[in-house]
Structure formats: C-alpha cells, structure tokens
C-alpha cells in the first residue's frame, strides 16, 4: 500500500474557503480518478496563529497506480487548485510505503 501525502499551509483567512473546496469538490475529484482506495483529510493542530496546515493522505495499491494518477490526472487537478488559490498556499508532497506484517 502507498500513501501519497499532500500538506498545504495557508494563511488562516483563507482556511475556511480551502476546507470547503476540498470537502465539497477537490477530494471527490481525486477519488473519482479511481486511483485511490481511500483518503484522510486532516487539519493540523499547531500553535501557529496566522497559518493553518491541511494534510490530505490518499492511499493506493502500488506505485504504478500513483504514477498513473500523476501522469493522467494530477496536472488538471493541480491546475484547478491553482485557479482558485494561486499564491495563497505552499505545498509539500511525500510518498510512503505502508509496511504491513
């Protein structure tokens, strides 16, 4: 199993709009690609007063599926996010193998 994790930090004044967009549209758009089996959407608890970090983890069966997502679907989905929030956030992406017994 692969975890594709995207952490996005933005100023708190945009947090409600970001959260609404992700919950009402973006996560559904990603899941509708049929590349991922499930997701988690989290708001990080920090002492930061001016910024908020959201973490979205998507889970897929293997690296080939993630590569297919990144080649076929990610560019348009990222462009949609940028059309609404360009310059308002920073993102970090990571990929992890989930080790199971």
PDB file of N, CA and C in Angstrom:
ATOM      1  N   UNK A   1       0.857  -1.181   0.000  1.00  0.00           N
ATOM      2  CA  UNK A   1       0.000   0.000   0.000  1.00  0.00           C
ATOM      3  C   UNK A   1       0.898   1.237   0.000  1.00  0.00           C
ATOM      4  N   UNK A   2       0.466   2.244  -0.724  1.00  0.00           N
ATOM      5  CA  UNK A   2       1.185   3.516  -0.857  1.00  0.00           C
ATOM      6  C   UNK A   2       0.342   4.633  -0.244  1.00  0.00           C
ATOM      7  N   UNK A   3       0.997   5.497   0.516  1.00  0.00           N
ATOM      8  CA  UNK A   3       0.356   6.722   0.999  1.00  0.00           C
ATOM      9  C   UNK A   3       0.961   7.889   0.234  1.00  0.00           C
ATOM     10  N   UNK A   4       0.110   8.644  -0.434  1.00  0.00           N
ATOM     11  CA  UNK A   4       0.503   9.876  -1.107  1.00  0.00           C
ATOM     12  C   UNK A   4      -0.033  11.010  -0.246  1.00  0.00           C
ATOM     13  N   UNK A   5       0.877  11.745   0.369  1.00  0.00           N
ATOM     14  CA  UNK A   5       0.511  12.756   1.367  1.00  0.00           C
ATOM     15  C   UNK A   5       0.813  14.149   0.835  1.00  0.00           C
ATOM     16  N   UNK A   6      -0.185  15.023   0.933  1.00  0.00           N
ATOM     17  CA  UNK A   6      -0.035  16.410   0.492  1.00  0.00           C
ATOM     18  C   UNK A   6      -0.351  17.311   1.684  1.00  0.00           C
ATOM     19  N   UNK A   7       0.638  18.092   2.102  1.00  0.00           N
ATOM     20  CA  UNK A   7       0.478  19.041   3.210  1.00  0.00           C
ATOM     21  C   UNK A   7       0.471  20.447   2.635  1.00  0.00           C
ATOM     22  N   UNK A   8      -0.590  21.182   2.910  1.00  0.00           N
ATOM     23  CA  UNK A   8      -0.727  22.542   2.375  1.00  0.00           C
ATOM     24  C   UNK A   8      -0.914  23.522   3.531  1.00  0.00           C
ATOM     25  N   UNK A   9      -0.111  24.560   3.500  1.00  0.00           N
ATOM     26  CA  UNK A   9      -0.169  25.593   4.529  1.00  0.00           C
ATOM     27  C   UNK A   9      -0.612  26.899   3.884  1.00  0.00           C
ATOM     28  N   UNK A  10      -1.571  27.565   4.530  1.00  0.00           N
ATOM     29  CA  UNK A  10      -2.064  28.826   4.017  1.00  0.00           C
ATOM     30  C   UNK A  10      -2.437  29.733   5.179  1.00  0.00           C
ATOM     31  N   UNK A  11      -2.591  31.000   4.874  1.00  0.00           N
ATOM     32  CA  UNK A  11      -2.978  31.977   5.886  1.00  0.00           C
ATOM     33  C   UNK A  11      -4.372  31.634   6.382  1.00  0.00           C
ATOM     34  N   UNK A  12      -4.595  31.831   7.651  1.00  0.00           N
ATOM     35  CA  UNK A  12      -5.871  31.429   8.260  1.00  0.00           C
ATOM     36  C   UNK A  12      -7.080  32.130   7.642  1.00  0.00           C
ATOM     37  N   UNK A  13      -6.893  33.284   7.044  1.00  0.00           N
ATOM     38  CA  UNK A  13      -8.038  33.976   6.436  1.00  0.00           C
ATOM     39  C   UNK A  13      -8.603  33.218   5.233  1.00  0.00           C
ATOM     40  N   UNK A  14      -7.827  32.293   4.662  1.00  0.00           N
ATOM     41  CA  UNK A  14      -8.287  31.504   3.515  1.00  0.00           C
ATOM     42  C   UNK A  14      -8.676  30.075   3.912  1.00  0.00           C
ATOM     43  N   UNK A  15      -8.532  29.748   5.184  1.00  0.00           N
ATOM     44  CA  UNK A  15      -8.715  28.367   5.637  1.00  0.00           C
ATOM     45  C   UNK A  15     -10.135  27.849   5.402  1.00  0.00           C
ATOM     46  N   UNK A  16     -11.127  28.617   5.722  1.00  0.00           N
ATOM     47  CA  UNK A  16     -12.498  28.141   5.564  1.00  0.00           C
ATOM     48  C   UNK A  16     -12.819  27.868   4.101  1.00  0.00           C
ATOM     49  N   UNK A  17     -12.394  28.748   3.204  1.00  0.00           N
ATOM     50  CA  UNK A  17     -12.632  28.562   1.776  1.00  0.00           C
ATOM     51  C   UNK A  17     -11.896  27.310   1.276  1.00  0.00           C
ATOM     52  N   UNK A  18     -10.650  27.126   1.727  1.00  0.00           N
ATOM     53  CA  UNK A  18      -9.856  25.949   1.344  1.00  0.00           C
ATOM     54  C   UNK A  18     -10.542  24.666   1.807  1.00  0.00           C
ATOM     55  N   UNK A  19     -10.920  24.649   3.069  1.00  0.00           N
ATOM     56  CA  UNK A  19     -11.551  23.461   3.648  1.00  0.00           C
ATOM     57  C   UNK A  19     -12.846  23.127   2.906  1.00  0.00           C
ATOM     58  N   UNK A  20     -13.646  24.109   2.638  1.00  0.00           N
ATOM     59  CA  UNK A  20     -14.899  23.895   1.927  1.00  0.00           C
ATOM     60  C   UNK A  20     -14.639  23.353   0.520  1.00  0.00           C
ATOM     61  N   UNK A  21     -13.707  23.952  -0.185  1.00  0.00           N
ATOM     62  CA  UNK A  21     -13.378  23.497  -1.540  1.00  0.00           C
ATOM     63  C   UNK A  21     -12.906  22.046  -1.531  1.00  0.00           C
ATOM     64  N   UNK A  22     -12.038  21.698  -0.590  1.00  0.00           N
ATOM     65  CA  UNK A  22     -11.544  20.322  -0.534  1.00  0.00           C
ATOM     66  C   UNK A  22     -12.662  19.351  -0.201  1.00  0.00           C
ATOM     67  N   UNK A  23     -13.475  19.663   0.787  1.00  0.00           N
ATOM     68  CA  UNK A  23     -14.530  18.751   1.209  1.00  0.00           C
ATOM     69  C   UNK A  23     -15.669  18.637   0.193  1.00  0.00           C
ATOM     70  N   UNK A  24     -15.938  19.703  -0.532  1.00  0.00           N
ATOM     71  CA  UNK A  24     -17.060  19.684  -1.461  1.00  0.00           C
ATOM     72  C   UNK A  24     -16.677  19.349  -2.898  1.00  0.00           C
ATOM     73  N   UNK A  25     -15.386  19.503  -3.261  1.00  0.00           N
ATOM     74  CA  UNK A  25     -15.043  19.273  -4.660  1.00  0.00           C
ATOM     75  C   UNK A  25     -13.743  18.510  -4.855  1.00  0.00           C
ATOM     76  N   UNK A  26     -12.639  19.031  -4.368  1.00  0.00           N
ATOM     77  CA  UNK A  26     -11.335  18.509  -4.761  1.00  0.00           C
ATOM     78  C   UNK A  26     -11.129  17.042  -4.389  1.00  0.00           C
ATOM     79  N   UNK A  27     -11.449  16.668  -3.176  1.00  0.00           N
ATOM     80  CA  UNK A  27     -11.237  15.279  -2.771  1.00  0.00           C
ATOM     81  C   UNK A  27     -12.105  14.348  -3.616  1.00  0.00           C
ATOM     82  N   UNK A  28     -13.336  14.737  -3.896  1.00  0.00           N
ATOM     83  CA  UNK A  28     -14.182  13.924  -4.774  1.00  0.00           C
ATOM     84  C   UNK A  28     -13.565  13.794  -6.165  1.00  0.00           C
ATOM     85  N   UNK A  29     -13.028  14.893  -6.678  1.00  0.00           N
ATOM     86  CA  UNK A  29     -12.389  14.846  -7.994  1.00  0.00           C
ATOM     87  C   UNK A  29     -11.214  13.861  -8.005  1.00  0.00           C
ATOM     88  N   UNK A  30     -10.402  13.891  -6.963  1.00  0.00           N
ATOM     89  CA  UNK A  30      -9.264  12.966  -6.871  1.00  0.00           C
ATOM     90  C   UNK A  30      -9.761  11.528  -6.749  1.00  0.00           C
ATOM     91  N   UNK A  31     -10.715  11.295  -5.884  1.00  0.00           N
ATOM     92  CA  UNK A  31     -11.217   9.931  -5.680  1.00  0.00           C
ATOM     93  C   UNK A  31     -11.931   9.401  -6.927  1.00  0.00           C
ATOM     94  N   UNK A  32     -12.541  10.268  -7.706  1.00  0.00           N
ATOM     95  CA  UNK A  32     -13.219   9.850  -8.936  1.00  0.00           C
ATOM     96  C   UNK A  32     -12.267   9.396 -10.026  1.00  0.00           C
ATOM     97  N   UNK A  33     -10.970   9.584  -9.848  1.00  0.00           N
ATOM     98  CA  UNK A  33      -9.992   9.057 -10.796  1.00  0.00           C
ATOM     99  C   UNK A  33      -9.879   7.539 -10.687  1.00  0.00           C
ATOM    100  N   UNK A  34     -10.389   6.982  -9.608  1.00  0.00           N
ATOM    101  CA  UNK A  34     -10.332   5.533  -9.323  1.00  0.00           C
ATOM    102  C   UNK A  34      -8.905   5.040  -9.087  1.00  0.00           C
ATOM    103  N   UNK A  35      -8.000   5.942  -8.782  1.00  0.00           N
ATOM    104  CA  UNK A  35      -6.623   5.546  -8.486  1.00  0.00           C
ATOM    105  C   UNK A  35      -6.427   5.238  -7.002  1.00  0.00           C
ATOM    106  N   UNK A  36      -7.277   5.782  -6.159  1.00  0.00           N
ATOM    107  CA  UNK A  36      -7.089   5.651  -4.722  1.00  0.00           C
ATOM    108  C   UNK A  36      -8.250   4.897  -4.092  1.00  0.00           C
ATOM    109  N   UNK A  37      -7.926   4.160  -3.043  1.00  0.00           N
ATOM    110  CA  UNK A  37      -8.930   3.360  -2.351  1.00  0.00           C
ATOM    111  C   UNK A  37      -9.617   4.136  -1.232  1.00  0.00           C
ATOM    112  N   UNK A  38      -8.871   5.026  -0.602  1.00  0.00           N
ATOM    113  CA  UNK A  38      -9.441   5.817   0.488  1.00  0.00           C
ATOM    114  C   UNK A  38      -8.571   7.048   0.692  1.00  0.00           C
ATOM    115  N   UNK A  39      -9.026   7.935   1.572  1.00  0.00           N
ATOM    116  CA  UNK A  39      -8.281   9.149   1.887  1.00  0.00           C
ATOM    117  C   UNK A  39      -8.518   9.522   3.341  1.00  0.00           C
ATOM    118  N   UNK A  40      -7.682  10.424   3.830  1.00  0.00           N
ATOM    119  CA  UNK A  40      -7.872  11.089   5.118  1.00  0.00           C
ATOM    120  C   UNK A  40      -7.600  12.563   4.889  1.00  0.00           C
ATOM    121  N   UNK A  41      -8.442  13.412   5.458  1.00  0.00           N
ATOM    122  CA  UNK A  41      -8.270  14.861   5.350  1.00  0.00           C
ATOM    123  C   UNK A  41      -8.191  15.402   6.765  1.00  0.00           C
ATOM    124  N   UNK A  42      -7.075  16.043   7.089  1.00  0.00           N
ATOM    125  CA  UNK A  42      -6.836  16.489   8.463  1.00  0.00           C
ATOM    126  C   UNK A  42      -6.429  17.955   8.498  1.00  0.00           C
ATOM    127  N   UNK A  43      -6.774  18.576   9.597  1.00  0.00           N
ATOM    128  CA  UNK A  43      -6.328  19.936   9.896  1.00  0.00           C
ATOM    129  C   UNK A  43      -5.340  19.802  11.045  1.00  0.00           C
ATOM    130  N   UNK A  44      -4.127  20.240  10.817  1.00  0.00           N
ATOM    131  CA  UNK A  44      -3.080  20.083  11.821  1.00  0.00           C
ATOM    132  C   UNK A  44      -3.287  21.047  12.993  1.00  0.00           C
ATOM    133  N   UNK A  45      -3.085  20.538  14.184  1.00  0.00           N
ATOM    134  CA  UNK A  45      -3.163  21.368  15.385  1.00  0.00           C
ATOM    135  C   UNK A  45      -1.771  21.908  15.690  1.00  0.00           C
ATOM    136  N   UNK A  46      -1.635  23.218  15.656  1.00  0.00           N
ATOM    137  CA  UNK A  46      -0.349  23.853  15.936  1.00  0.00           C
ATOM    138  C   UNK A  46      -0.574  25.109  16.764  1.00  0.00           C
ATOM    139  N   UNK A  47       0.522  25.704  17.160  1.00  0.00           N
ATOM    140  CA  UNK A  47       0.465  26.968  17.888  1.00  0.00           C
ATOM    141  C   UNK A  47       0.510  28.166  16.940  1.00  0.00           C
ATOM    142  N   UNK A  48       0.570  27.899  15.655  1.00  0.00           N
ATOM    143  CA  UNK A  48       0.616  28.993  14.676  1.00  0.00           C
ATOM    144  C   UNK A  48      -0.667  29.815  14.752  1.00  0.00           C
ATOM    145  N   UNK A  49      -0.525  31.117  14.817  1.00  0.00           N
ATOM    146  CA  UNK A  49      -1.692  31.983  14.922  1.00  0.00           C
ATOM    147  C   UNK A  49      -2.162  32.497  13.567  1.00  0.00           C
ATOM    148  N   UNK A  50      -1.239  32.572  12.612  1.00  0.00           N
ATOM    149  CA  UNK A  50      -1.578  33.166  11.329  1.00  0.00           C
ATOM    150  C   UNK A  50      -1.768  32.173  10.197  1.00  0.00           C
ATOM    151  N   UNK A  51      -1.360  30.927  10.405  1.00  0.00           N
ATOM    152  CA  UNK A  51      -1.453  29.963   9.313  1.00  0.00           C
ATOM    153  C   UNK A  51      -2.101  28.663   9.771  1.00  0.00           C
ATOM    154  N   UNK A  52      -2.591  27.920   8.785  1.00  0.00           N
ATOM    155  CA  UNK A  52      -3.251  26.641   9.004  1.00  0.00           C
ATOM    156  C   UNK A  52      -2.645  25.642   8.021  1.00  0.00           C
ATOM    157  N   UNK A  53      -2.441  24.415   8.487  1.00  0.00           N
ATOM    158  CA  UNK A  53      -1.947  23.356   7.613  1.00  0.00           C
ATOM    159  C   UNK A  53      -2.987  22.253   7.521  1.00  0.00           C
ATOM    160  N   UNK A  54      -3.301  21.888   6.272  1.00  0.00           N
ATOM    161  CA  UNK A  54      -4.201  20.771   5.994  1.00  0.00           C
ATOM    162  C   UNK A  54      -3.367  19.645   5.393  1.00  0.00           C
ATOM    163  N   UNK A  55      -3.644  18.432   5.826  1.00  0.00           N
ATOM    164  CA  UNK A  55      -2.929  17.267   5.335  1.00  0.00           C
ATOM    165  C   UNK A  55      -3.943  16.317   4.719  1.00  0.00           C
ATOM    166  N   UNK A  56      -3.731  15.995   3.452  1.00  0.00           N
ATOM    167  CA  UNK A  56      -4.581  15.027   2.776  1.00  0.00           C
ATOM    168  C   UNK A  56      -3.724  13.827   2.415  1.00  0.00           C
ATOM    169  N   UNK A  57      -4.126  12.656   2.874  1.00  0.00           N
ATOM    170  CA  UNK A  57      -3.434  11.411   2.551  1.00  0.00           C
ATOM    171  C   UNK A  57      -4.351  10.577   1.682  1.00  0.00           C
ATOM    172  N   UNK A  58      -3.811  10.154   0.541  1.00  0.00           N
ATOM    173  CA  UNK A  58      -4.538   9.281  -0.374  1.00  0.00           C
ATOM    174  C   UNK A  58      -3.819   7.939  -0.399  1.00  0.00           C
ATOM    175  N   UNK A  59      -4.571   6.851  -0.439  1.00  0.00           N
ATOM    176  CA  UNK A  59      -3.988   5.518  -0.358  1.00  0.00           C
ATOM    177  C   UNK A  59      -4.313   4.721  -1.625  1.00  0.00           C
ATOM    178  N   UNK A  60      -3.255   4.142  -2.209  1.00  0.00           N
ATOM    179  CA  UNK A  60      -3.437   3.316  -3.404  1.00  0.00           C
ATOM    180  C   UNK A  60      -2.653   2.015  -3.274  1.00  0.00           C
ATOM    181  N   UNK A  61      -2.928   1.076  -4.164  1.00  0.00           N
ATOM    182  CA  UNK A  61      -2.356  -0.265  -4.057  1.00  0.00           C
ATOM    183  C   UNK A  61      -0.854  -0.320  -4.312  1.00  0.00           C
ATOM    184  N   UNK A  62      -0.380   0.459  -5.288  1.00  0.00           N
ATOM    185  CA  UNK A  62       1.028   0.332  -5.668  1.00  0.00           C
ATOM    186  C   UNK A  62       1.526   1.608  -6.331  1.00  0.00           C
ATOM    187  N   UNK A  63       2.835   1.636  -6.548  1.00  0.00           N
ATOM    188  CA  UNK A  63       3.465   2.832  -7.118  1.00  0.00           C
ATOM    189  C   UNK A  63       3.043   3.052  -8.570  1.00  0.00           C
ATOM    190  N   UNK A  64       2.732   1.993  -9.277  1.00  0.00           N
ATOM    191  CA  UNK A  64       2.277   2.127 -10.663  1.00  0.00           C
ATOM    192  C   UNK A  64       0.951   2.893 -10.733  1.00  0.00           C
ATOM    193  N   UNK A  65       0.081   2.623  -9.784  1.00  0.00           N
ATOM    194  CA  UNK A  65      -1.199   3.342  -9.736  1.00  0.00           C
ATOM    195  C   UNK A  65      -0.976   4.817  -9.431  1.00  0.00           C
ATOM    196  N   UNK A  66      -0.074   5.102  -8.511  1.00  0.00           N
ATOM    197  CA  UNK A  66       0.242   6.501  -8.205  1.00  0.00           C
ATOM    198  C   UNK A  66       0.863   7.189  -9.410  1.00  0.00           C
ATOM    199  N   UNK A  67       1.753   6.499 -10.094  1.00  0.00           N
ATOM    200  CA  UNK A  67       2.360   7.075 -11.307  1.00  0.00           C
ATOM    201  C   UNK A  67       1.307   7.370 -12.367  1.00  0.00           C
ATOM    202  N   UNK A  68       0.342   6.477 -12.527  1.00  0.00           N
ATOM    203  CA  UNK A  68      -0.745   6.706 -13.485  1.00  0.00           C
ATOM    204  C   UNK A  68      -1.547   7.942 -13.088  1.00  0.00           C
ATOM    205  N   UNK A  69      -1.846   8.078 -11.798  1.00  0.00           N
ATOM    206  CA  UNK A  69      -2.549   9.268 -11.310  1.00  0.00           C
ATOM    207  C   UNK A  69      -1.756  10.535 -11.652  1.00  0.00           C
ATOM    208  N   UNK A  70      -0.465  10.509 -11.336  1.00  0.00           N
ATOM    209  CA  UNK A  70       0.366  11.696 -11.577  1.00  0.00           C
ATOM    210  C   UNK A  70       0.496  12.035 -13.050  1.00  0.00           C
ATOM    211  N   UNK A  71       0.493  11.057 -13.914  1.00  0.00           N
ATOM    212  CA  UNK A  71       0.617  11.303 -15.360  1.00  0.00           C
ATOM    213  C   UNK A  71      -0.697  11.734 -15.995  1.00  0.00           C
ATOM    214  N   UNK A  72      -1.787  11.076 -15.629  1.00  0.00           N
ATOM    215  CA  UNK A  72      -3.056  11.293 -16.322  1.00  0.00           C
ATOM    216  C   UNK A  72      -3.974  12.334 -15.689  1.00  0.00           C
ATOM    217  N   UNK A  73      -3.949  12.425 -14.373  1.00  0.00           N
ATOM    218  CA  UNK A  73      -4.968  13.223 -13.687  1.00  0.00           C
ATOM    219  C   UNK A  73      -4.434  14.419 -12.903  1.00  0.00           C
ATOM    220  N   UNK A  74      -3.276  14.280 -12.291  1.00  0.00           N
ATOM    221  CA  UNK A  74      -2.766  15.312 -11.384  1.00  0.00           C
ATOM    222  C   UNK A  74      -2.605  16.685 -12.034  1.00  0.00           C
ATOM    223  N   UNK A  75      -2.086  16.783 -13.254  1.00  0.00           N
ATOM    224  CA  UNK A  75      -1.910  18.137 -13.812  1.00  0.00           C
ATOM    225  C   UNK A  75      -3.196  18.958 -13.850  1.00  0.00           C
ATOM    226  N   UNK A  76      -4.292  18.374 -14.289  1.00  0.00           N
ATOM    227  CA  UNK A  76      -5.559  19.123 -14.364  1.00  0.00           C
ATOM    228  C   UNK A  76      -6.093  19.437 -12.968  1.00  0.00           C
ATOM    229  N   UNK A  77      -5.943  18.507 -12.035  1.00  0.00           N
ATOM    230  CA  UNK A  77      -6.432  18.747 -10.677  1.00  0.00           C
ATOM    231  C   UNK A  77      -5.611  19.824  -9.976  1.00  0.00           C
ATOM    232  N   UNK A  78      -4.301  19.813 -10.186  1.00  0.00           N
ATOM    233  CA  UNK A  78      -3.454  20.858  -9.608  1.00  0.00           C
ATOM    234  C   UNK A  78      -3.791  22.214 -10.227  1.00  0.00           C
ATOM    235  N   UNK A  79      -4.048  22.231 -11.523  1.00  0.00           N
ATOM    236  CA  UNK A  79      -4.408  23.479 -12.200  1.00  0.00           C
ATOM    237  C   UNK A  79      -5.708  24.049 -11.631  1.00  0.00           C
ATOM    238  N   UNK A  80      -6.652  23.181 -11.316  1.00  0.00           N
ATOM    239  CA  UNK A  80      -7.902  23.648 -10.729  1.00  0.00           C
ATOM    240  C   UNK A  80      -7.668  24.294  -9.366  1.00  0.00           C
ATOM    241  N   UNK A  81      -6.825  23.666  -8.548  1.00  0.00           N
ATOM    242  CA  UNK A  81      -6.487  24.256  -7.247  1.00  0.00           C
ATOM    243  C   UNK A  81      -5.813  25.613  -7.445  1.00  0.00           C
ATOM    244  N   UNK A  82      -4.867  25.664  -8.379  1.00  0.00           N
ATOM    245  CA  UNK A  82      -4.145  26.911  -8.624  1.00  0.00           C
ATOM    246  C   UNK A  82      -5.072  28.015  -9.135  1.00  0.00           C
ATOM    247  N   UNK A  83      -6.085  27.659  -9.906  1.00  0.00           N
ATOM    248  CA  UNK A  83      -7.005  28.672 -10.434  1.00  0.00           C
ATOM    249  C   UNK A  83      -7.786  29.356  -9.310  1.00  0.00           C
ATOM    250  N   UNK A  84      -7.897  28.688  -8.177  1.00  0.00           N
ATOM    251  CA  UNK A  84      -8.649  29.247  -7.057  1.00  0.00           C
ATOM    252  C   UNK A  84      -7.761  29.805  -5.946  1.00  0.00           C
ATOM    253  N   UNK A  85      -6.549  29.257  -5.798  1.00  0.00           N
ATOM    254  CA  UNK A  85      -5.716  29.597  -4.643  1.00  0.00           C
ATOM    255  C   UNK A  85      -4.275  29.943  -5.014  1.00  0.00           C
ATOM    256  N   UNK A  86      -4.005  30.288  -6.248  1.00  0.00           N
ATOM    257  CA  UNK A  86      -2.631  30.579  -6.675  1.00  0.00           C
ATOM    258  C   UNK A  86      -2.003  31.660  -5.798  1.00  0.00           C
ATOM    259  N   UNK A  87      -0.827  31.357  -5.287  1.00  0.00           N
ATOM    260  CA  UNK A  87      -0.093  32.293  -4.454  1.00  0.00           C
ATOM    261  C   UNK A  87      -0.552  32.353  -3.008  1.00  0.00           C
ATOM    262  N   UNK A  88      -1.556  31.576  -2.642  1.00  0.00           N
ATOM    263  CA  UNK A  88      -2.118  31.644  -1.290  1.00  0.00           C
ATOM    264  C   UNK A  88      -1.683  30.489  -0.387  1.00  0.00           C
ATOM    265  N   UNK A  89      -0.933  29.531  -0.931  1.00  0.00           N
ATOM    266  CA  UNK A  89      -0.558  28.367  -0.130  1.00  0.00           C
ATOM    267  C   UNK A  89       0.801  27.832  -0.567  1.00  0.00           C
ATOM    268  N   UNK A  90       1.381  27.031   0.305  1.00  0.00           N
ATOM    269  CA  UNK A  90       2.571  26.265  -0.051  1.00  0.00           C
ATOM    270  C   UNK A  90       2.241  24.800   0.167  1.00  0.00           C
ATOM    271  N   UNK A  91       2.824  23.937  -0.649  1.00  0.00           N
ATOM    272  CA  UNK A  91       2.504  22.508  -0.569  1.00  0.00           C
ATOM    273  C   UNK A  91       3.780  21.683  -0.491  1.00  0.00           C
ATOM    274  N   UNK A  92       3.689  20.604   0.261  1.00  0.00           N
ATOM    275  CA  UNK A  92       4.751  19.592   0.331  1.00  0.00           C
ATOM    276  C   UNK A  92       4.091  18.258   0.055  1.00  0.00           C
ATOM    277  N   UNK A  93       4.733  17.473  -0.791  1.00  0.00           N
ATOM    278  CA  UNK A  93       4.206  16.154  -1.114  1.00  0.00           C
ATOM    279  C   UNK A  93       5.208  15.095  -0.702  1.00  0.00           C
ATOM    280  N   UNK A  94       4.685  13.958  -0.234  1.00  0.00           N
ATOM    281  CA  UNK A  94       5.562  12.840   0.102  1.00  0.00           C
ATOM    282  C   UNK A  94       4.858  11.535  -0.245  1.00  0.00           C
ATOM    283  N   UNK A  95       5.668  10.523  -0.460  1.00  0.00           N
ATOM    284  CA  UNK A  95       5.168   9.185  -0.786  1.00  0.00           C
ATOM    285  C   UNK A  95       5.781   8.225   0.207  1.00  0.00           C
ATOM    286  N   UNK A  96       4.936   7.371   0.792  1.00  0.00           N
ATOM    287  CA  UNK A  96       5.413   6.384   1.759  1.00  0.00           C
ATOM    288  C   UNK A  96       4.855   5.015   1.405  1.00  0.00           C
ATOM    289  N   UNK A  97       5.694   4.024   1.640  1.00  0.00           N
ATOM    290  CA  UNK A  97       5.215   2.642   1.582  1.00  0.00           C
ATOM    291  C   UNK A  97       4.699   2.293   2.964  1.00  0.00           C
ATOM    292  N   UNK A  98       3.508   1.735   3.036  1.00  0.00           N
ATOM    293  CA  UNK A  98       2.970   1.275   4.308  1.00  0.00           C
ATOM    294  C   UNK A  98       3.424  -0.171   4.488  1.00  0.00           C
ATOM    295  N   UNK A  99       4.178  -0.403   5.522  1.00  0.00           N
ATOM    296  CA  UNK A  99       4.721  -1.735   5.788  1.00  0.00           C
ATOM    297  C   UNK A  99       3.751  -2.500   6.656  1.00  0.00           C
ATOM    298  N   UNK A 100       3.432  -3.675   6.218  1.00  0.00           N
ATOM    299  CA  UNK A 100       2.468  -4.490   6.947  1.00  0.00           C
ATOM    300  C   UNK A 100       3.077  -5.852   7.270  1.00  0.00           C
ATOM    301  N   UNK A 101       2.636  -6.414   8.332  1.00  0.00           N
ATOM    302  CA  UNK A 101       3.117  -7.725   8.762  1.00  0.00           C
ATOM    303  C   UNK A 101       2.529  -8.825   7.926  1.00  0.00           C
TER     304      UNK A 101
END
